Amino acid sequence: MRVTMCLVVLLVLGLLLTPSPSAQTNRETGSQTETQGQQDKDRDREHQPGMQSGEGDQASMTPTQFLRHAMMANMAEVKLGQLATERASSSQVKQFAQHMIDSHTKANEKVKEIAKLKGVETPTDLDEKHKETQERLSNLRGSEFDRAYMEHMVKDHKEVLAAFTAQSKNSKDEEVRGLATTMTPELERHLQMATDTRQQIGAGRAE
């Protein structure tokens, strides 16, 4: 009798502890859904436009994001430089702007080469953020333009330099890491030039 009762108890416990087919299916479905959700997030992130420098962790940019970001930054520097050669009143600012046009045009050709290898589409127009900057500066003239343009150049080069530095140290993509490493010293020079030029015109020496 005692043996029989023990067997019954063990049988009942076994039934209680054994997951039902529906529960097992729900767990598997939940796991699959979570995995698919993460894959969707990764895919969406990969196809986002290049993250703006200074937003979030620069090292977390995917190669696609970074290349788009770099091409957009170069395009913006060229367009704003062209605007500055027309609107600036300071000879120092005009000289700086022309250097930005020449340097970033060459830099963008190098970025485009890597982007083509990676199958990354080249942007044909500025994004909204850079369009807003261009529009804001286009409404200014003379020394007011000079100051606003150079302030933006210092800020922008700090942000772009941060992105390139992060990629030169952390990117797992060999071509992207090499590109960032090669271009970082030139961006450092640009930042120093922008800082120096801003100081020059800040002393009221607009010409």
N, C-alpha and C. Protein backbone atom coordinates (compact mmCIF):
# COMPACT_ATOMS: atom_id res chain seq x y z
N MET A 1 0.83 -1.21 0.00
CA MET A 1 0.00 0.00 0.00
C MET A 1 0.87 1.26 0.00
N ARG A 2 1.89 1.26 0.87
CA ARG A 2 2.79 2.43 0.93
C ARG A 2 3.53 2.61 -0.40
N VAL A 3 3.94 1.48 -0.98
CA VAL A 3 4.65 1.55 -2.27
C VAL A 3 3.75 2.14 -3.33
N THR A 4 2.49 1.70 -3.30
CA THR A 4 1.53 2.20 -4.29
C THR A 4 1.33 3.70 -4.15
N MET A 5 1.17 4.17 -2.91
CA MET A 5 0.97 5.59 -2.67
C MET A 5 2.18 6.41 -3.12
N CYS A 6 3.38 5.90 -2.88
CA CYS A 6 4.61 6.60 -3.31
C CYS A 6 4.64 6.74 -4.82
N LEU A 7 4.26 5.65 -5.50
CA LEU A 7 4.26 5.70 -6.96
C LEU A 7 3.26 6.72 -7.48
N VAL A 8 2.11 6.78 -6.83
CA VAL A 8 1.08 7.75 -7.25
C VAL A 8 1.59 9.18 -7.07
N VAL A 9 2.22 9.43 -5.90
CA VAL A 9 2.75 10.77 -5.63
C VAL A 9 3.81 11.17 -6.66
N LEU A 10 4.72 10.24 -6.95
CA LEU A 10 5.77 10.52 -7.94
C LEU A 10 5.18 10.79 -9.31
N LEU A 11 4.15 10.04 -9.66
CA LEU A 11 3.51 10.22 -10.96
C LEU A 11 2.87 11.61 -11.07
N VAL A 12 2.18 12.01 -10.00
CA VAL A 12 1.54 13.33 -9.99
C VAL A 12 2.58 14.44 -10.09
N LEU A 13 3.66 14.30 -9.30
CA LEU A 13 4.72 15.31 -9.36
C LEU A 13 5.34 15.39 -10.75
N GLY A 14 5.51 14.25 -11.38
CA GLY A 14 6.09 14.23 -12.72
C GLY A 14 5.21 14.96 -13.71
N LEU A 15 3.90 14.77 -13.59
CA LEU A 15 2.98 15.46 -14.49
C LEU A 15 3.01 16.97 -14.27
N LEU A 16 3.11 17.37 -12.99
CA LEU A 16 3.12 18.80 -12.68
C LEU A 16 4.39 19.49 -13.17
N LEU A 17 5.51 18.78 -13.08
CA LEU A 17 6.80 19.39 -13.44
C LEU A 17 7.08 19.34 -14.93
N THR A 18 6.40 18.49 -15.65
CA THR A 18 6.64 18.38 -17.09
C THR A 18 5.91 19.50 -17.81
N PRO A 19 6.62 20.37 -18.57
CA PRO A 19 5.95 21.48 -19.26
C PRO A 19 5.02 20.97 -20.34
N SER A 20 3.91 21.63 -20.46
CA SER A 20 2.96 21.24 -21.49
C SER A 20 3.50 21.62 -22.85
N PRO A 21 3.05 20.96 -23.92
CA PRO A 21 3.50 21.30 -25.27
C PRO A 21 3.24 22.76 -25.61
N SER A 22 2.10 23.29 -25.15
CA SER A 22 1.79 24.69 -25.46
C SER A 22 2.75 25.64 -24.76
N ALA A 23 3.12 25.31 -23.51
CA ALA A 23 4.07 26.17 -22.78
C ALA A 23 5.43 26.16 -23.45
N GLN A 24 5.87 24.94 -23.87
CA GLN A 24 7.15 24.83 -24.55
C GLN A 24 7.13 25.62 -25.85
N THR A 25 6.01 25.51 -26.57
CA THR A 25 5.88 26.23 -27.84
C THR A 25 5.92 27.73 -27.62
N ASN A 26 5.24 28.19 -26.54
CA ASN A 26 5.23 29.62 -26.24
C ASN A 26 6.63 30.14 -25.94
N ARG A 27 7.40 29.32 -25.18
CA ARG A 27 8.77 29.75 -24.86
C ARG A 27 9.61 29.84 -26.12
N GLU A 28 9.47 28.82 -26.99
CA GLU A 28 10.25 28.82 -28.23
C GLU A 28 9.85 29.99 -29.11
N THR A 29 8.52 30.24 -29.18
CA THR A 29 8.04 31.35 -29.99
C THR A 29 8.55 32.68 -29.45
N GLY A 30 8.52 32.81 -28.11
CA GLY A 30 9.01 34.04 -27.49
C GLY A 30 10.47 34.26 -27.78
N SER A 31 11.26 33.19 -27.71
CA SER A 31 12.69 33.30 -27.99
C SER A 31 12.93 33.69 -29.43
N GLN A 32 12.16 33.06 -30.36
CA GLN A 32 12.32 33.39 -31.76
C GLN A 32 11.93 34.83 -32.03
N THR A 33 10.85 35.29 -31.38
CA THR A 33 10.40 36.67 -31.56
C THR A 33 11.45 37.65 -31.08
N GLU A 34 12.06 37.35 -29.91
CA GLU A 34 13.10 38.23 -29.37
C GLU A 34 14.29 38.29 -30.30
N THR A 35 14.70 37.13 -30.83
CA THR A 35 15.84 37.09 -31.75
C THR A 35 15.53 37.86 -33.02
N GLN A 36 14.32 37.66 -33.57
CA GLN A 36 13.93 38.36 -34.78
C GLN A 36 13.87 39.86 -34.54
N GLY A 37 13.38 40.24 -33.35
CA GLY A 37 13.31 41.66 -33.02
C GLY A 37 14.67 42.31 -33.00
N GLN A 38 15.66 41.61 -32.44
CA GLN A 38 17.02 42.15 -32.39
C GLN A 38 17.60 42.25 -33.80
N GLN A 39 17.31 41.24 -34.64
CA GLN A 39 17.80 41.28 -36.02
C GLN A 39 17.19 42.46 -36.76
N ASP A 40 15.89 42.70 -36.53
CA ASP A 40 15.23 43.83 -37.17
C ASP A 40 15.86 45.15 -36.73
N LYS A 41 16.17 45.26 -35.43
CA LYS A 41 16.80 46.48 -34.92
C LYS A 41 18.16 46.69 -35.57
N ASP A 42 18.94 45.61 -35.67
CA ASP A 42 20.27 45.72 -36.28
C ASP A 42 20.16 46.14 -37.73
N ARG A 43 19.17 45.54 -38.45
CA ARG A 43 19.01 45.87 -39.85
C ARG A 43 18.56 47.31 -40.03
N ASP A 44 17.61 47.75 -39.20
CA ASP A 44 17.15 49.13 -39.28
C ASP A 44 18.28 50.09 -38.99
N ARG A 45 19.10 49.76 -38.00
CA ARG A 45 20.21 50.63 -37.61
C ARG A 45 21.23 50.72 -38.73
N GLU A 46 21.45 49.61 -39.42
CA GLU A 46 22.41 49.58 -40.51
C GLU A 46 22.00 50.51 -41.64
N HIS A 47 20.68 50.66 -41.85
CA HIS A 47 20.19 51.44 -42.97
C HIS A 47 19.78 52.85 -42.59
N GLN A 48 20.05 53.24 -41.37
CA GLN A 48 19.79 54.63 -41.00
C GLN A 48 20.80 55.52 -41.69
N PRO A 49 20.43 56.79 -41.98
CA PRO A 49 21.43 57.73 -42.49
C PRO A 49 22.55 57.86 -41.48
N GLY A 50 23.74 58.27 -41.95
CA GLY A 50 24.88 58.38 -41.05
C GLY A 50 24.56 59.17 -39.81
N MET A 51 24.91 58.67 -38.68
CA MET A 51 24.65 59.37 -37.43
C MET A 51 25.46 60.65 -37.41
N GLN A 52 24.87 61.67 -36.90
CA GLN A 52 25.60 62.92 -36.79
C GLN A 52 26.67 62.80 -35.72
N SER A 53 27.83 63.39 -36.01
CA SER A 53 28.91 63.35 -35.04
C SER A 53 28.45 63.99 -33.75
N GLY A 54 28.91 63.44 -32.63
CA GLY A 54 28.55 63.97 -31.35
C GLY A 54 27.28 63.36 -30.80
N GLU A 55 26.59 62.54 -31.57
CA GLU A 55 25.36 61.92 -31.11
C GLU A 55 25.65 60.46 -30.77
N GLY A 56 25.63 60.14 -29.50
CA GLY A 56 25.84 58.77 -29.09
C GLY A 56 27.30 58.37 -29.19
N ASP A 57 27.52 57.09 -29.11
CA ASP A 57 28.87 56.55 -29.13
C ASP A 57 29.35 56.44 -30.57
N GLN A 58 30.37 57.23 -30.93
CA GLN A 58 30.86 57.22 -32.30
C GLN A 58 31.40 55.86 -32.70
N ALA A 59 31.94 55.14 -31.73
CA ALA A 59 32.53 53.84 -32.04
C ALA A 59 31.48 52.82 -32.42
N SER A 60 30.21 53.09 -32.12
CA SER A 60 29.15 52.13 -32.41
C SER A 60 28.59 52.27 -33.81
N MET A 61 29.07 53.25 -34.57
CA MET A 61 28.62 53.37 -35.96
C MET A 61 28.98 52.11 -36.73
N THR A 62 28.06 51.66 -37.58
CA THR A 62 28.39 50.58 -38.49
C THR A 62 29.24 51.16 -39.62
N PRO A 63 29.94 50.32 -40.39
CA PRO A 63 30.71 50.83 -41.53
C PRO A 63 29.85 51.64 -42.49
N THR A 64 28.63 51.15 -42.75
CA THR A 64 27.74 51.87 -43.65
C THR A 64 27.39 53.24 -43.11
N GLN A 65 27.04 53.31 -41.85
CA GLN A 65 26.71 54.59 -41.23
C GLN A 65 27.89 55.56 -41.28
N PHE A 66 29.06 55.05 -40.97
CA PHE A 66 30.22 55.93 -40.95
C PHE A 66 30.55 56.47 -42.33
N LEU A 67 30.48 55.62 -43.35
CA LEU A 67 30.79 56.07 -44.71
C LEU A 67 29.78 57.11 -45.18
N ARG A 68 28.51 56.89 -44.87
CA ARG A 68 27.50 57.89 -45.22
C ARG A 68 27.75 59.20 -44.48
N HIS A 69 28.08 59.05 -43.22
CA HIS A 69 28.38 60.22 -42.38
C HIS A 69 29.56 61.00 -42.96
N ALA A 70 30.61 60.29 -43.35
CA ALA A 70 31.81 60.94 -43.88
C ALA A 70 31.52 61.65 -45.19
N MET A 71 30.77 61.00 -46.08
CA MET A 71 30.44 61.63 -47.36
C MET A 71 29.58 62.86 -47.16
N MET A 72 28.62 62.77 -46.24
CA MET A 72 27.76 63.92 -45.97
C MET A 72 28.55 65.07 -45.37
N ALA A 73 29.46 64.77 -44.47
CA ALA A 73 30.28 65.81 -43.85
C ALA A 73 31.15 66.50 -44.88
N ASN A 74 31.76 65.73 -45.77
CA ASN A 74 32.60 66.31 -46.81
C ASN A 74 31.78 67.19 -47.75
N MET A 75 30.61 66.70 -48.14
CA MET A 75 29.74 67.47 -49.03
C MET A 75 29.35 68.79 -48.39
N ALA A 76 29.02 68.74 -47.10
CA ALA A 76 28.62 69.95 -46.39
C ALA A 76 29.77 70.95 -46.30
N GLU A 77 30.98 70.46 -46.04
CA GLU A 77 32.13 71.35 -45.94
C GLU A 77 32.37 72.07 -47.27
N VAL A 78 32.21 71.35 -48.37
CA VAL A 78 32.41 71.95 -49.69
C VAL A 78 31.35 73.01 -49.97
N LYS A 79 30.09 72.68 -49.72
CA LYS A 79 29.00 73.62 -50.01
C LYS A 79 29.09 74.87 -49.14
N LEU A 80 29.38 74.67 -47.86
CA LEU A 80 29.51 75.83 -46.97
C LEU A 80 30.76 76.65 -47.32
N GLY A 81 31.80 75.97 -47.77
CA GLY A 81 32.99 76.68 -48.20
C GLY A 81 32.71 77.56 -49.41
N GLN A 82 31.93 77.02 -50.35
CA GLN A 82 31.56 77.80 -51.53
C GLN A 82 30.73 79.02 -51.14
N LEU A 83 29.84 78.83 -50.17
CA LEU A 83 29.03 79.94 -49.68
C LEU A 83 29.93 81.00 -49.03
N ALA A 84 30.92 80.54 -48.29
CA ALA A 84 31.82 81.46 -47.59
C ALA A 84 32.67 82.27 -48.54
N THR A 85 33.08 81.68 -49.65
CA THR A 85 33.89 82.44 -50.61
C THR A 85 33.08 83.58 -51.23
N GLU A 86 31.76 83.45 -51.19
CA GLU A 86 30.89 84.49 -51.75
C GLU A 86 30.47 85.52 -50.70
N ARG A 87 30.22 85.06 -49.47
CA ARG A 87 29.61 85.93 -48.47
C ARG A 87 30.59 86.52 -47.45
N ALA A 88 31.71 85.88 -47.25
CA ALA A 88 32.64 86.34 -46.20
C ALA A 88 33.25 87.69 -46.56
N SER A 89 33.53 88.48 -45.53
CA SER A 89 34.19 89.77 -45.73
C SER A 89 35.67 89.70 -45.36
N SER A 90 36.04 88.68 -44.59
CA SER A 90 37.42 88.53 -44.14
C SER A 90 38.24 87.71 -45.13
N SER A 91 39.41 88.21 -45.46
CA SER A 91 40.28 87.46 -46.37
C SER A 91 40.75 86.16 -45.74
N GLN A 92 40.93 86.16 -44.41
CA GLN A 92 41.32 84.93 -43.72
C GLN A 92 40.23 83.86 -43.83
N VAL A 93 38.99 84.30 -43.69
CA VAL A 93 37.87 83.36 -43.78
C VAL A 93 37.75 82.82 -45.20
N LYS A 94 37.90 83.67 -46.18
CA LYS A 94 37.82 83.22 -47.57
C LYS A 94 38.94 82.23 -47.89
N GLN A 95 40.12 82.51 -47.38
CA GLN A 95 41.24 81.60 -47.60
C GLN A 95 40.98 80.25 -46.94
N PHE A 96 40.48 80.29 -45.72
CA PHE A 96 40.13 79.05 -45.02
C PHE A 96 39.07 78.28 -45.80
N ALA A 97 38.04 78.98 -46.26
CA ALA A 97 36.94 78.34 -46.98
C ALA A 97 37.44 77.65 -48.25
N GLN A 98 38.33 78.30 -48.97
CA GLN A 98 38.85 77.69 -50.19
C GLN A 98 39.65 76.43 -49.88
N HIS A 99 40.38 76.48 -48.78
CA HIS A 99 41.13 75.29 -48.36
C HIS A 99 40.18 74.15 -48.02
N MET A 100 39.05 74.47 -47.39
CA MET A 100 38.06 73.44 -47.07
C MET A 100 37.47 72.83 -48.34
N ILE A 101 37.21 73.67 -49.33
CA ILE A 101 36.67 73.18 -50.60
C ILE A 101 37.64 72.19 -51.23
N ASP A 102 38.89 72.60 -51.35
CA ASP A 102 39.89 71.76 -52.00
C ASP A 102 40.14 70.46 -51.22
N SER A 103 40.32 70.59 -49.92
CA SER A 103 40.68 69.43 -49.10
C SER A 103 39.54 68.42 -49.00
N HIS A 104 38.33 68.91 -48.76
CA HIS A 104 37.21 67.99 -48.57
C HIS A 104 36.72 67.40 -49.89
N THR A 105 36.98 68.08 -51.01
CA THR A 105 36.67 67.48 -52.31
C THR A 105 37.55 66.26 -52.54
N LYS A 106 38.84 66.41 -52.26
CA LYS A 106 39.77 65.29 -52.40
C LYS A 106 39.43 64.17 -51.41
N ALA A 107 39.12 64.56 -50.19
CA ALA A 107 38.81 63.56 -49.16
C ALA A 107 37.58 62.75 -49.54
N ASN A 108 36.60 63.42 -50.12
CA ASN A 108 35.36 62.72 -50.46
C ASN A 108 35.58 61.69 -51.56
N GLU A 109 36.51 61.96 -52.45
CA GLU A 109 36.81 60.99 -53.50
C GLU A 109 37.35 59.70 -52.89
N LYS A 110 38.16 59.83 -51.86
CA LYS A 110 38.70 58.64 -51.19
C LYS A 110 37.60 57.88 -50.46
N VAL A 111 36.70 58.63 -49.82
CA VAL A 111 35.60 57.97 -49.11
C VAL A 111 34.69 57.26 -50.10
N LYS A 112 34.43 57.90 -51.23
CA LYS A 112 33.55 57.30 -52.24
C LYS A 112 34.12 55.98 -52.77
N GLU A 113 35.44 55.91 -52.88
CA GLU A 113 36.06 54.67 -53.36
C GLU A 113 35.76 53.51 -52.42
N ILE A 114 35.90 53.76 -51.11
CA ILE A 114 35.60 52.71 -50.13
C ILE A 114 34.11 52.41 -50.11
N ALA A 115 33.30 53.46 -50.21
CA ALA A 115 31.84 53.27 -50.20
C ALA A 115 31.40 52.41 -51.38
N LYS A 116 32.01 52.62 -52.53
CA LYS A 116 31.67 51.83 -53.72
C LYS A 116 32.01 50.37 -53.50
N LEU A 117 33.16 50.10 -52.90
CA LEU A 117 33.56 48.73 -52.61
C LEU A 117 32.57 48.05 -51.66
N LYS A 118 32.01 48.85 -50.75
CA LYS A 118 31.09 48.31 -49.73
C LYS A 118 29.64 48.32 -50.19
N GLY A 119 29.40 48.86 -51.39
CA GLY A 119 28.03 48.93 -51.87
C GLY A 119 27.20 49.99 -51.18
N VAL A 120 27.84 51.04 -50.67
CA VAL A 120 27.14 52.12 -49.98
C VAL A 120 26.84 53.24 -50.97
N GLU A 121 25.58 53.62 -51.04
CA GLU A 121 25.15 54.64 -51.99
C GLU A 121 25.68 56.01 -51.60
N THR A 122 26.13 56.76 -52.59
CA THR A 122 26.63 58.11 -52.36
C THR A 122 25.48 59.10 -52.25
N PRO A 123 25.43 59.90 -51.20
CA PRO A 123 24.35 60.90 -51.08
C PRO A 123 24.48 61.95 -52.17
N THR A 124 23.35 62.42 -52.65
CA THR A 124 23.34 63.41 -53.73
C THR A 124 22.95 64.79 -53.23
N ASP A 125 22.49 64.88 -52.00
CA ASP A 125 22.07 66.17 -51.45
C ASP A 125 22.31 66.18 -49.94
N LEU A 126 22.37 67.36 -49.38
CA LEU A 126 22.57 67.50 -47.94
C LEU A 126 21.37 66.97 -47.16
N ASP A 127 21.61 66.48 -45.97
CA ASP A 127 20.51 66.07 -45.10
C ASP A 127 19.91 67.33 -44.46
N GLU A 128 18.83 67.13 -43.70
CA GLU A 128 18.10 68.27 -43.16
C GLU A 128 18.96 69.13 -42.22
N LYS A 129 19.76 68.46 -41.40
CA LYS A 129 20.59 69.21 -40.45
C LYS A 129 21.53 70.16 -41.17
N HIS A 130 22.20 69.67 -42.21
CA HIS A 130 23.15 70.52 -42.92
C HIS A 130 22.44 71.55 -43.79
N LYS A 131 21.26 71.22 -44.30
CA LYS A 131 20.48 72.20 -45.05
C LYS A 131 20.09 73.38 -44.17
N GLU A 132 19.71 73.08 -42.94
CA GLU A 132 19.33 74.14 -42.00
C GLU A 132 20.51 75.06 -41.72
N THR A 133 21.69 74.46 -41.58
CA THR A 133 22.89 75.28 -41.34
C THR A 133 23.19 76.15 -42.55
N GLN A 134 23.09 75.57 -43.73
CA GLN A 134 23.35 76.32 -44.95
C GLN A 134 22.36 77.48 -45.10
N GLU A 135 21.10 77.21 -44.81
CA GLU A 135 20.09 78.26 -44.92
C GLU A 135 20.33 79.38 -43.90
N ARG A 136 20.68 78.98 -42.69
CA ARG A 136 20.94 79.98 -41.65
C ARG A 136 22.10 80.88 -42.03
N LEU A 137 23.18 80.29 -42.52
CA LEU A 137 24.35 81.08 -42.89
C LEU A 137 24.10 81.93 -44.13
N SER A 138 23.27 81.44 -45.03
CA SER A 138 23.02 82.17 -46.28
C SER A 138 22.27 83.48 -46.04
N ASN A 139 21.66 83.60 -44.87
CA ASN A 139 20.94 84.83 -44.53
C ASN A 139 21.83 85.88 -43.87
N LEU A 140 23.11 85.54 -43.69
CA LEU A 140 24.04 86.46 -43.03
C LEU A 140 24.98 87.09 -44.06
N ARG A 141 25.56 88.21 -43.68
CA ARG A 141 26.50 88.91 -44.56
C ARG A 141 27.67 89.45 -43.74
N GLY A 142 28.77 89.70 -44.44
CA GLY A 142 29.90 90.40 -43.86
C GLY A 142 30.48 89.75 -42.61
N SER A 143 30.83 90.59 -41.65
CA SER A 143 31.49 90.09 -40.44
C SER A 143 30.57 89.17 -39.63
N GLU A 144 29.27 89.41 -39.73
CA GLU A 144 28.33 88.53 -39.03
C GLU A 144 28.40 87.11 -39.60
N PHE A 145 28.50 87.03 -40.92
CA PHE A 145 28.67 85.72 -41.56
C PHE A 145 29.99 85.11 -41.14
N ASP A 146 31.05 85.91 -41.16
CA ASP A 146 32.38 85.40 -40.82
C ASP A 146 32.38 84.70 -39.46
N ARG A 147 31.81 85.38 -38.49
CA ARG A 147 31.81 84.83 -37.13
C ARG A 147 30.98 83.55 -37.05
N ALA A 148 29.79 83.58 -37.65
CA ALA A 148 28.91 82.41 -37.58
C ALA A 148 29.51 81.22 -38.32
N TYR A 149 30.10 81.49 -39.47
CA TYR A 149 30.71 80.42 -40.26
C TYR A 149 31.87 79.78 -39.52
N MET A 150 32.74 80.59 -38.95
CA MET A 150 33.90 80.04 -38.26
C MET A 150 33.51 79.33 -36.97
N GLU A 151 32.49 79.83 -36.29
CA GLU A 151 32.00 79.13 -35.10
C GLU A 151 31.51 77.74 -35.50
N HIS A 152 30.80 77.68 -36.61
CA HIS A 152 30.30 76.38 -37.07
C HIS A 152 31.46 75.48 -37.49
N MET A 153 32.46 76.04 -38.12
CA MET A 153 33.59 75.23 -38.57
C MET A 153 34.33 74.59 -37.39
N VAL A 154 34.49 75.33 -36.33
CA VAL A 154 35.15 74.78 -35.14
C VAL A 154 34.30 73.66 -34.55
N LYS A 155 33.02 73.93 -34.37
CA LYS A 155 32.11 72.94 -33.79
C LYS A 155 32.02 71.69 -34.68
N ASP A 156 31.86 71.90 -35.97
CA ASP A 156 31.69 70.78 -36.90
C ASP A 156 32.93 69.92 -36.98
N HIS A 157 34.10 70.55 -37.01
CA HIS A 157 35.32 69.76 -37.11
C HIS A 157 35.61 68.99 -35.82
N LYS A 158 35.19 69.53 -34.69
CA LYS A 158 35.33 68.77 -33.45
C LYS A 158 34.49 67.49 -33.51
N GLU A 159 33.28 67.62 -34.01
CA GLU A 159 32.37 66.48 -34.08
C GLU A 159 32.86 65.44 -35.10
N VAL A 160 33.25 65.92 -36.27
CA VAL A 160 33.72 65.00 -37.31
C VAL A 160 35.00 64.31 -36.87
N LEU A 161 35.90 65.07 -36.25
CA LEU A 161 37.15 64.48 -35.76
C LEU A 161 36.88 63.40 -34.73
N ALA A 162 35.89 63.61 -33.87
CA ALA A 162 35.55 62.61 -32.86
C ALA A 162 35.09 61.31 -33.52
N ALA A 163 34.31 61.43 -34.58
CA ALA A 163 33.83 60.24 -35.28
C ALA A 163 34.97 59.49 -35.96
N PHE A 164 35.85 60.22 -36.63
CA PHE A 164 36.97 59.59 -37.33
C PHE A 164 37.96 58.96 -36.34
N THR A 165 38.21 59.65 -35.24
CA THR A 165 39.12 59.10 -34.24
C THR A 165 38.58 57.81 -33.66
N ALA A 166 37.28 57.79 -33.36
CA ALA A 166 36.66 56.58 -32.81
C ALA A 166 36.76 55.42 -33.79
N GLN A 167 36.49 55.69 -35.06
CA GLN A 167 36.55 54.62 -36.06
C GLN A 167 37.98 54.14 -36.30
N SER A 168 38.93 55.06 -36.21
CA SER A 168 40.33 54.67 -36.41
C SER A 168 40.81 53.73 -35.31
N LYS A 169 40.19 53.83 -34.15
CA LYS A 169 40.59 52.99 -33.01
C LYS A 169 39.73 51.74 -32.86
N ASN A 170 38.47 51.83 -33.24
CA ASN A 170 37.54 50.77 -32.87
C ASN A 170 36.87 50.01 -34.01
N SER A 171 36.92 50.54 -35.22
CA SER A 171 36.21 49.86 -36.30
C SER A 171 36.81 48.48 -36.57
N LYS A 172 35.93 47.51 -36.74
CA LYS A 172 36.37 46.15 -37.05
C LYS A 172 36.51 45.95 -38.56
N ASP A 173 36.10 46.94 -39.33
CA ASP A 173 36.24 46.88 -40.78
C ASP A 173 37.60 47.45 -41.16
N GLU A 174 38.41 46.64 -41.80
CA GLU A 174 39.79 47.03 -42.08
C GLU A 174 39.88 48.27 -42.96
N GLU A 175 39.06 48.31 -44.04
CA GLU A 175 39.10 49.46 -44.94
C GLU A 175 38.63 50.74 -44.26
N VAL A 176 37.57 50.63 -43.49
CA VAL A 176 37.04 51.80 -42.79
C VAL A 176 38.03 52.30 -41.75
N ARG A 177 38.61 51.37 -41.02
CA ARG A 177 39.59 51.76 -40.00
C ARG A 177 40.80 52.44 -40.65
N GLY A 178 41.25 51.91 -41.77
CA GLY A 178 42.38 52.51 -42.47
C GLY A 178 42.05 53.89 -43.00
N LEU A 179 40.85 54.04 -43.54
CA LEU A 179 40.42 55.34 -44.06
C LEU A 179 40.38 56.37 -42.94
N ALA A 180 39.78 56.01 -41.83
CA ALA A 180 39.67 56.94 -40.70
C ALA A 180 41.05 57.30 -40.15
N THR A 181 41.92 56.32 -40.07
CA THR A 181 43.27 56.56 -39.55
C THR A 181 44.04 57.52 -40.45
N THR A 182 43.89 57.34 -41.76
CA THR A 182 44.60 58.18 -42.72
C THR A 182 44.12 59.62 -42.69
N MET A 183 42.82 59.81 -42.49
CA MET A 183 42.24 61.15 -42.58
C MET A 183 42.25 61.93 -41.27
N THR A 184 42.42 61.24 -40.17
CA THR A 184 42.36 61.92 -38.87
C THR A 184 43.38 63.06 -38.73
N PRO A 185 44.65 62.89 -39.13
CA PRO A 185 45.62 63.99 -38.99
C PRO A 185 45.20 65.25 -39.77
N GLU A 186 44.64 65.06 -40.96
CA GLU A 186 44.20 66.22 -41.74
C GLU A 186 43.04 66.94 -41.06
N LEU A 187 42.14 66.18 -40.47
CA LEU A 187 41.03 66.80 -39.74
C LEU A 187 41.52 67.55 -38.51
N GLU A 188 42.56 67.04 -37.89
CA GLU A 188 43.16 67.76 -36.75
C GLU A 188 43.73 69.10 -37.20
N ARG A 189 44.35 69.10 -38.38
CA ARG A 189 44.88 70.36 -38.92
C ARG A 189 43.74 71.33 -39.25
N HIS A 190 42.66 70.79 -39.79
CA HIS A 190 41.50 71.64 -40.11
C HIS A 190 40.95 72.30 -38.85
N LEU A 191 40.85 71.52 -37.79
CA LEU A 191 40.33 72.05 -36.53
C LEU A 191 41.23 73.16 -36.00
N GLN A 192 42.53 72.96 -36.09
CA GLN A 192 43.46 73.98 -35.62
C GLN A 192 43.36 75.24 -36.48
N MET A 193 43.24 75.05 -37.80
CA MET A 193 43.08 76.19 -38.70
C MET A 193 41.80 76.96 -38.40
N ALA A 194 40.72 76.22 -38.15
CA ALA A 194 39.43 76.85 -37.85
C ALA A 194 39.51 77.64 -36.55
N THR A 195 40.16 77.06 -35.56
CA THR A 195 40.31 77.73 -34.27
C THR A 195 41.14 79.00 -34.40
N ASP A 196 42.24 78.91 -35.15
CA ASP A 196 43.10 80.07 -35.34
C ASP A 196 42.38 81.18 -36.11
N THR A 197 41.68 80.80 -37.17
CA THR A 197 40.96 81.79 -37.98
C THR A 197 39.86 82.46 -37.17
N ARG A 198 39.16 81.68 -36.37
CA ARG A 198 38.11 82.26 -35.52
C ARG A 198 38.70 83.28 -34.56
N GLN A 199 39.86 82.98 -34.01
CA GLN A 199 40.51 83.92 -33.09
C GLN A 199 40.92 85.20 -33.81
N GLN A 200 41.39 85.05 -35.04
CA GLN A 200 41.83 86.20 -35.81
C GLN A 200 40.68 87.17 -36.08
N ILE A 201 39.56 86.64 -36.52
CA ILE A 201 38.44 87.53 -36.82
C ILE A 201 37.73 87.97 -35.55
N GLY A 202 37.90 87.21 -34.49
CA GLY A 202 37.29 87.59 -33.22
C GLY A 202 37.91 88.84 -32.64
N ALA A 203 39.13 89.17 -33.11
CA ALA A 203 39.82 90.38 -32.63
C ALA A 203 39.39 91.61 -33.40
N GLY A 204 38.36 91.45 -34.26
CA GLY A 204 37.84 92.59 -35.02
C GLY A 204 38.70 92.95 -36.20
N ARG A 205 39.35 91.91 -36.77
CA ARG A 205 40.23 92.18 -37.89
C ARG A 205 39.63 91.74 -39.21
N ALA A 206 38.30 91.72 -39.28
CA ALA A 206 37.65 91.36 -40.54
C ALA A 206 38.05 92.37 -41.61
N GLU A 207 38.34 91.85 -42.79
CA GLU A 207 38.82 92.72 -43.87
C GLU A 207 37.81 92.72 -45.03
